[in-house]
Amino acid sequence: MDSTILAQITGNIATVGYGLAAIGPGIGVGIVAGKTVEAMARQPEMAGRLQVTMFLGIAFAELLAFIGVATFFIFQ
């Protein structure tokens, strides 16, 4: 098999792989934000503490997406 064809196949697989890796954090951020809104609706006095916790949860979920990007560049 020609090396240029193999390089194209690897690039396409890496692109699909990163797309799949971004699905998890996207779902995680949606769940975290949705549950925070539910909690703030139930106890509005806790809104400040809930928002801080939500932003920490979102940061950790997005870290997974950044690891996916870094993995692409490391194994390229």
C-alpha atoms as a PDB file:
ATOM      1  CA  MET A   1       0.000   0.000   0.000  1.00  0.00           C
ATOM      2  CA  ASP A   2       1.305   3.440  -0.870  1.00  0.00           C
ATOM      3  CA  SER A   3       2.491   5.507   2.128  1.00  0.00           C
ATOM      4  CA  THR A   4       0.455   8.581   1.115  1.00  0.00           C
ATOM      5  CA  ILE A   5      -2.736   6.550   1.097  1.00  0.00           C
ATOM      6  CA  LEU A   6      -1.869   5.147   4.512  1.00  0.00           C
ATOM      7  CA  ALA A   7      -1.241   8.667   5.844  1.00  0.00           C
ATOM      8  CA  GLN A   8      -4.638   9.813   4.560  1.00  0.00           C
ATOM      9  CA  ILE A   9      -6.372   6.886   6.194  1.00  0.00           C
ATOM     10  CA  THR A  10      -4.638   7.580   9.506  1.00  0.00           C
ATOM     11  CA  GLY A  11      -5.601  11.258   9.351  1.00  0.00           C
ATOM     12  CA  ASN A  12      -9.235  10.448   8.664  1.00  0.00           C
ATOM     13  CA  ILE A  13      -9.374   7.929  11.486  1.00  0.00           C
ATOM     14  CA  ALA A  14      -7.803  10.470  13.862  1.00  0.00           C
ATOM     15  CA  THR A  15     -10.407  13.059  12.892  1.00  0.00           C
ATOM     16  CA  VAL A  16     -13.253  10.643  13.533  1.00  0.00           C
ATOM     17  CA  GLY A  17     -11.607   9.586  16.790  1.00  0.00           C
ATOM     18  CA  TYR A  18     -11.446  13.157  18.061  1.00  0.00           C
ATOM     19  CA  GLY A  19     -15.065  13.695  17.059  1.00  0.00           C
ATOM     20  CA  LEU A  20     -16.059  10.675  19.115  1.00  0.00           C
ATOM     21  CA  ALA A  21     -13.870  11.862  21.999  1.00  0.00           C
ATOM     22  CA  ALA A  22     -15.692  15.213  22.040  1.00  0.00           C
ATOM     23  CA  ILE A  23     -19.102  13.584  22.457  1.00  0.00           C
ATOM     24  CA  GLY A  24     -18.445  12.500  26.049  1.00  0.00           C
ATOM     25  CA  PRO A  25     -17.509  15.912  27.431  1.00  0.00           C
ATOM     26  CA  GLY A  26     -20.393  17.480  25.511  1.00  0.00           C
ATOM     27  CA  ILE A  27     -22.863  15.141  27.166  1.00  0.00           C
ATOM     28  CA  GLY A  28     -21.168  15.655  30.535  1.00  0.00           C
ATOM     29  CA  VAL A  29     -21.383  19.448  30.337  1.00  0.00           C
ATOM     30  CA  GLY A  30     -25.051  19.230  29.387  1.00  0.00           C
ATOM     31  CA  ILE A  31     -25.853  16.996  32.338  1.00  0.00           C
ATOM     32  CA  VAL A  32     -23.873  19.140  34.800  1.00  0.00           C
ATOM     33  CA  ALA A  33     -25.513  22.378  33.654  1.00  0.00           C
ATOM     34  CA  GLY A  34     -28.993  20.857  33.608  1.00  0.00           C
ATOM     35  CA  LYS A  35     -28.710  19.398  37.094  1.00  0.00           C
ATOM     36  CA  THR A  36     -27.357  22.705  38.404  1.00  0.00           C
ATOM     37  CA  VAL A  37     -30.369  24.575  37.008  1.00  0.00           C
ATOM     38  CA  GLU A  38     -32.670  22.018  38.651  1.00  0.00           C
ATOM     39  CA  ALA A  39     -30.883  22.414  41.975  1.00  0.00           C
ATOM     40  CA  MET A  40     -31.027  26.232  41.793  1.00  0.00           C
ATOM     41  CA  ALA A  41     -34.758  26.043  41.063  1.00  0.00           C
ATOM     42  CA  ARG A  42     -35.254  23.923  44.179  1.00  0.00           C
ATOM     43  CA  GLN A  43     -32.976  25.971  46.467  1.00  0.00           C
ATOM     44  CA  PRO A  44     -32.308  29.470  45.111  1.00  0.00           C
ATOM     45  CA  GLU A  45     -30.314  30.437  48.221  1.00  0.00           C
ATOM     46  CA  MET A  46     -27.609  27.909  47.231  1.00  0.00           C
ATOM     47  CA  ALA A  47     -27.163  29.360  43.717  1.00  0.00           C
ATOM     48  CA  GLY A  48     -23.695  30.819  44.387  1.00  0.00           C
ATOM     49  CA  ARG A  49     -22.214  27.588  45.730  1.00  0.00           C
ATOM     50  CA  LEU A  50     -23.904  25.534  43.023  1.00  0.00           C
ATOM     51  CA  GLN A  51     -22.471  27.719  40.267  1.00  0.00           C
ATOM     52  CA  VAL A  52     -18.933  27.308  41.597  1.00  0.00           C
ATOM     53  CA  THR A  53     -19.373  23.545  41.728  1.00  0.00           C
ATOM     54  CA  MET A  54     -20.892  23.557  38.239  1.00  0.00           C
ATOM     55  CA  PHE A  55     -17.941  25.460  36.775  1.00  0.00           C
ATOM     56  CA  LEU A  56     -15.515  23.001  38.378  1.00  0.00           C
ATOM     57  CA  GLY A  57     -17.471  20.089  36.912  1.00  0.00           C
ATOM     58  CA  ILE A  58     -17.505  21.702  33.480  1.00  0.00           C
ATOM     59  CA  ALA A  59     -13.758  22.343  33.675  1.00  0.00           C
ATOM     60  CA  PHE A  60     -13.043  18.696  34.438  1.00  0.00           C
ATOM     61  CA  ALA A  61     -15.360  17.516  31.670  1.00  0.00           C
ATOM     62  CA  GLU A  62     -13.729  19.842  29.142  1.00  0.00           C
ATOM     63  CA  LEU A  63     -10.319  18.610  30.247  1.00  0.00           C
ATOM     64  CA  LEU A  64     -11.232  15.300  28.631  1.00  0.00           C
ATOM     65  CA  ALA A  65     -11.722  17.053  25.284  1.00  0.00           C
ATOM     66  CA  PHE A  66      -8.353  18.779  25.603  1.00  0.00           C
ATOM     67  CA  ILE A  67      -6.716  15.442  26.359  1.00  0.00           C
ATOM     68  CA  GLY A  68      -8.269  14.126  23.132  1.00  0.00           C
ATOM     69  CA  VAL A  69      -6.734  17.006  21.171  1.00  0.00           C
ATOM     70  CA  ALA A  70      -3.348  16.514  22.814  1.00  0.00           C
ATOM     71  CA  THR A  71      -3.459  12.787  22.096  1.00  0.00           C
ATOM     72  CA  PHE A  72      -4.011  13.542  18.421  1.00  0.00           C
ATOM     73  CA  PHE A  73      -0.887  15.699  18.303  1.00  0.00           C
ATOM     74  CA  ILE A  74       1.221  13.313  20.376  1.00  0.00           C
ATOM     75  CA  PHE A  75       0.522  10.291  18.180  1.00  0.00           C
ATOM     76  CA  GLN A  76       0.661  12.146  14.879  1.00  0.00           C
END
